[in-house]
Amino acid sequence: MEQHDKDSSAVAISKTPNSIQNSIQVLNGPSLAHSAWFEIRLFYVRVAPCVIDSVPDHLTLRHLRREIGVSLEINGAKVPASDSASLTLRRDRVDKESSEVTYVSTDSVRVTGPVEFEVYENNDMVLCGSLERMEGVWLNGNAGGLKNDSKTGWSMDCYMAASINSGSSAFFSAETRAFVAVHRGLYRRMLLRRAGHLDKDDTD
C-alpha cells in the first residue's frame, strides 16, 4: 500500500435491497489531509446464486457525472466533470457448483471526491452506489461494525436495482448471497432476500 500522494485499494460491490443501505467505510492509509487521490486498482462484483447458463460475458460499470472540482482519472486519462465514463467488467469466474459468477475490472481509477457509479447488464441496471471521502474521524478504526487497524476516510454505499427483482435477469433469485470486500481484512458476507430481510455474517 503506497502512502505518498494517493490511497489505493481493491473495491468490490454487491447487491443490496432498495430499502437497505450498505455503507462500507474504507479505512486504510494516511490521514485525510495527506492524500488527495483515492485509487481503485481492482473492482469486482460477485453474485450467487444466479442462473449460470444465462449470465452475460460482461457487465458495464458507468461512472456518472460529478461535482465541479472533483477529479476523475481512468488509466491515467482525466475525465471531464461534465462527462460520464464506462468500463467493462469482464466475466472472470463461473462456479457451477455454487451458482456463483464474478466480474472484474483491473482498470486504474483515481478520484479526489464523491463519485457515483452504476453497474448494468445490457440496458438493465444491476446495482448502483457511490464512493466519497469521509470528513470525520472514526475511533479505533471501527466503522459500520467492520474492524480495521488504520484509516483512509473513504466510504462506499451500494444499492440493488429494483429491476433485478423483476425475474428477467440471470441474477434474479429468491435468495441472493453477496460478498463485499473493500480491502484485505475488511469484508462482509450478507444474505439478501426479496422480502428485504438482511442477515449478516462477519465471521471468517
Protein backbone atom coordinates (compact mmCIF):
# COMPACT_ATOMS: atom_id res chain seq x y z
CA MET A 1 0.00 0.00 0.00
CA GLU A 2 1.53 3.29 -1.09
CA GLN A 3 1.20 6.15 1.36
CA HIS A 4 2.67 9.08 -0.51
CA ASP A 5 0.35 11.08 -2.80
CA LYS A 6 -2.55 8.66 -3.09
CA ASP A 7 -4.52 5.91 -1.40
CA SER A 8 -5.07 2.64 -3.23
CA SER A 9 -7.49 -0.18 -2.61
CA ALA A 10 -9.45 -3.00 -4.16
CA VAL A 11 -13.17 -2.35 -4.20
CA ALA A 12 -15.85 -4.99 -4.54
CA ILE A 13 -19.52 -4.21 -4.85
CA SER A 14 -22.52 -6.38 -4.03
CA LYS A 15 -26.26 -6.13 -4.41
CA THR A 16 -28.35 -4.68 -1.58
CA PRO A 17 -32.15 -4.31 -1.27
CA ASN A 18 -33.77 -0.99 -2.25
CA SER A 19 -34.73 -0.16 1.31
CA ILE A 20 -31.43 -1.15 2.87
CA GLN A 21 -28.28 0.89 2.54
CA ASN A 22 -24.99 -0.93 2.85
CA SER A 23 -22.31 1.54 3.90
CA ILE A 24 -18.73 0.32 3.92
CA GLN A 25 -16.00 2.59 5.26
CA VAL A 26 -12.61 2.28 3.56
CA LEU A 27 -10.12 2.81 6.34
CA ASN A 28 -6.63 2.12 5.13
CA GLY A 29 -3.75 4.55 4.71
CA PRO A 30 -2.61 8.01 5.80
CA SER A 31 -4.60 10.94 7.14
CA LEU A 32 -7.20 12.71 5.01
CA ALA A 33 -5.11 15.85 4.65
CA HIS A 34 -2.07 13.88 3.48
CA SER A 35 -3.61 12.24 0.41
CA ALA A 36 -5.82 13.83 -2.25
CA TRP A 37 -6.36 10.82 -4.52
CA PHE A 38 -8.12 7.53 -3.89
CA GLU A 39 -7.07 4.84 -6.37
CA ILE A 40 -9.05 1.72 -7.23
CA ARG A 41 -6.90 -0.95 -8.84
CA LEU A 42 -9.43 -3.79 -8.75
CA PHE A 43 -13.22 -3.55 -8.99
CA TYR A 44 -15.25 -6.75 -8.85
CA VAL A 45 -18.83 -7.87 -8.50
CA ARG A 46 -19.64 -11.35 -7.19
CA VAL A 47 -23.21 -12.70 -7.32
CA ALA A 48 -24.62 -16.01 -6.06
CA PRO A 49 -26.82 -17.81 -6.68
CA CYS A 50 -27.67 -16.96 -10.27
CA VAL A 51 -28.73 -18.71 -13.46
CA ILE A 52 -25.26 -19.80 -14.59
CA ASP A 53 -26.28 -20.75 -18.14
CA SER A 54 -27.72 -17.27 -18.68
CA VAL A 55 -25.14 -14.94 -17.13
CA PRO A 56 -23.66 -12.40 -19.58
CA ASP A 57 -19.98 -12.42 -20.51
CA HIS A 58 -19.56 -8.89 -19.16
CA LEU A 59 -21.20 -6.10 -17.19
CA THR A 60 -20.77 -2.37 -17.71
CA LEU A 61 -19.57 -0.05 -14.95
CA ARG A 62 -20.62 3.55 -15.50
CA HIS A 63 -19.11 6.47 -13.61
CA LEU A 64 -21.67 9.25 -13.66
CA ARG A 65 -21.13 13.00 -13.88
CA ARG A 66 -19.53 14.55 -10.82
CA GLU A 67 -19.48 17.79 -8.88
CA ILE A 68 -17.28 20.58 -10.20
CA GLY A 69 -13.85 20.33 -8.60
CA VAL A 70 -13.90 16.53 -8.27
CA SER A 71 -11.25 14.96 -10.49
CA LEU A 72 -11.61 11.51 -12.05
CA GLU A 73 -8.87 9.69 -13.96
CA ILE A 74 -9.20 6.35 -15.73
CA ASN A 75 -5.98 4.65 -16.78
CA GLY A 76 -4.16 7.97 -16.46
CA ALA A 77 -6.61 9.96 -18.62
CA LYS A 78 -8.61 12.73 -16.97
CA VAL A 79 -12.39 12.57 -17.47
CA PRO A 80 -14.14 15.99 -17.72
CA ALA A 81 -16.57 16.65 -14.87
CA SER A 82 -19.45 17.05 -17.32
CA ASP A 83 -18.85 13.62 -18.87
CA SER A 84 -19.68 10.11 -17.76
CA ALA A 85 -17.33 7.19 -18.33
CA SER A 86 -17.83 3.46 -18.83
CA LEU A 87 -15.65 0.45 -18.06
CA THR A 88 -16.13 -3.21 -18.86
CA LEU A 89 -16.39 -5.72 -16.04
CA ARG A 90 -15.34 -8.98 -17.68
CA ARG A 91 -16.64 -12.32 -16.51
CA ASP A 92 -13.72 -13.75 -14.59
CA ARG A 93 -15.02 -16.87 -12.91
CA VAL A 94 -18.09 -19.11 -13.09
CA ASP A 95 -18.67 -21.73 -10.42
CA LYS A 96 -21.48 -24.06 -11.46
CA GLU A 97 -21.48 -25.95 -8.17
CA SER A 98 -22.23 -22.82 -6.14
CA SER A 99 -24.06 -20.98 -8.98
CA GLU A 100 -21.65 -18.09 -8.49
CA VAL A 101 -20.25 -15.66 -11.03
CA THR A 102 -17.57 -12.99 -10.62
CA TYR A 103 -16.95 -9.94 -12.82
CA VAL A 104 -13.68 -7.99 -12.68
CA SER A 105 -12.13 -4.77 -13.93
CA THR A 106 -8.43 -4.05 -13.44
CA ASP A 107 -8.57 -0.57 -14.96
CA SER A 108 -6.94 2.07 -12.78
CA VAL A 109 -9.49 4.57 -11.46
CA ARG A 110 -8.45 7.59 -9.37
CA VAL A 111 -10.80 10.10 -7.78
CA THR A 112 -10.43 13.09 -5.46
CA GLY A 113 -14.01 13.37 -4.22
CA PRO A 114 -17.53 11.92 -4.33
CA VAL A 115 -18.35 9.83 -7.39
CA GLU A 116 -21.47 7.83 -8.22
CA PHE A 117 -21.48 4.62 -10.25
CA GLU A 118 -23.92 2.16 -11.81
CA VAL A 119 -23.46 -1.43 -12.97
CA TYR A 120 -25.51 -2.63 -15.95
CA GLU A 121 -26.39 -5.96 -17.53
CA ASN A 122 -27.01 -4.80 -21.10
CA ASN A 123 -29.55 -1.96 -20.59
CA ASP A 124 -30.75 -3.13 -17.19
CA MET A 125 -29.23 -1.71 -14.04
CA VAL A 126 -27.94 -4.37 -11.63
CA LEU A 127 -26.76 -2.10 -8.83
CA CYS A 128 -25.72 1.45 -8.07
CA GLY A 129 -23.62 3.12 -5.45
CA SER A 130 -21.19 5.86 -4.55
CA LEU A 131 -17.72 6.49 -3.19
CA GLU A 132 -17.00 9.54 -1.08
CA ARG A 133 -14.46 10.95 1.30
CA MET A 134 -15.43 10.91 4.97
CA GLU A 135 -14.90 14.15 6.87
CA GLY A 136 -14.95 12.77 10.41
CA VAL A 137 -12.52 10.54 12.28
CA TRP A 138 -13.67 7.03 13.21
CA LEU A 139 -12.48 5.91 16.61
CA ASN A 140 -10.34 2.78 16.89
CA GLY A 141 -10.60 2.22 13.15
CA ASN A 142 -14.09 0.81 13.63
CA ALA A 143 -16.76 1.92 11.16
CA GLY A 144 -20.06 0.34 10.29
CA GLY A 145 -19.27 -2.58 12.57
CA LEU A 146 -16.25 -3.58 10.50
CA LYS A 147 -12.93 -3.77 12.29
CA ASN A 148 -9.81 -2.27 10.80
CA ASP A 149 -6.44 -1.09 12.03
CA SER A 150 -5.81 2.10 10.02
CA LYS A 151 -7.69 4.95 8.37
CA THR A 152 -8.18 6.43 4.92
CA GLY A 153 -11.53 8.12 5.41
CA TRP A 154 -13.45 6.90 2.34
CA SER A 155 -16.89 5.27 2.33
CA MET A 156 -18.80 3.18 -0.20
CA ASP A 157 -22.60 2.78 -0.41
CA CYS A 158 -24.32 0.11 -2.54
CA TYR A 159 -27.92 -0.49 -3.57
CA MET A 160 -29.56 -3.27 -5.55
CA ALA A 161 -31.55 -2.05 -8.55
CA ALA A 162 -35.31 -2.63 -8.46
CA SER A 163 -35.22 -4.24 -11.92
CA ILE A 164 -33.25 -7.21 -10.53
CA ASN A 165 -36.37 -8.41 -8.73
CA SER A 166 -38.39 -8.48 -11.94
CA GLY A 167 -37.31 -12.02 -12.77
CA SER A 168 -35.91 -11.06 -16.19
CA SER A 169 -32.28 -11.05 -15.04
CA ALA A 170 -29.93 -14.03 -14.73
CA PHE A 171 -29.16 -12.67 -11.27
CA PHE A 172 -32.76 -12.96 -10.08
CA SER A 173 -33.22 -15.43 -7.23
CA ALA A 174 -35.39 -15.90 -4.18
CA GLU A 175 -32.21 -15.67 -2.11
CA THR A 176 -29.07 -13.92 -3.31
CA ARG A 177 -25.82 -14.17 -1.40
CA ALA A 178 -23.37 -11.34 -1.82
CA PHE A 179 -19.78 -10.82 -0.73
CA VAL A 180 -18.49 -7.28 -0.15
CA ALA A 181 -14.76 -6.66 0.17
CA VAL A 182 -13.14 -3.24 0.16
CA HIS A 183 -9.64 -4.17 1.26
CA ARG A 184 -7.93 -7.27 2.55
CA GLY A 185 -9.19 -7.91 6.06
CA LEU A 186 -12.23 -5.67 5.53
CA TYR A 187 -15.25 -7.60 4.34
CA ARG A 188 -18.87 -8.53 4.97
CA ARG A 189 -20.98 -11.51 3.96
CA MET A 190 -24.71 -10.98 3.51
CA LEU A 191 -27.80 -12.97 2.66
CA LEU A 192 -30.23 -10.79 0.71
CA ARG A 193 -33.83 -11.90 0.46
CA ARG A 194 -36.50 -10.39 -1.79
CA ALA A 195 -38.63 -9.65 1.25
CA GLY A 196 -35.94 -7.18 2.30
CA HIS A 197 -34.57 -9.25 5.19
CA LEU A 198 -30.84 -8.87 5.68
CA ASP A 199 -28.72 -11.42 7.53
CA LYS A 200 -25.08 -10.58 8.23
CA ASP A 201 -22.20 -12.91 8.93
CA ASP A 202 -18.89 -11.18 9.55
CA THR A 203 -17.03 -14.27 10.69
CA ASP A 204 -14.09 -15.79 8.86
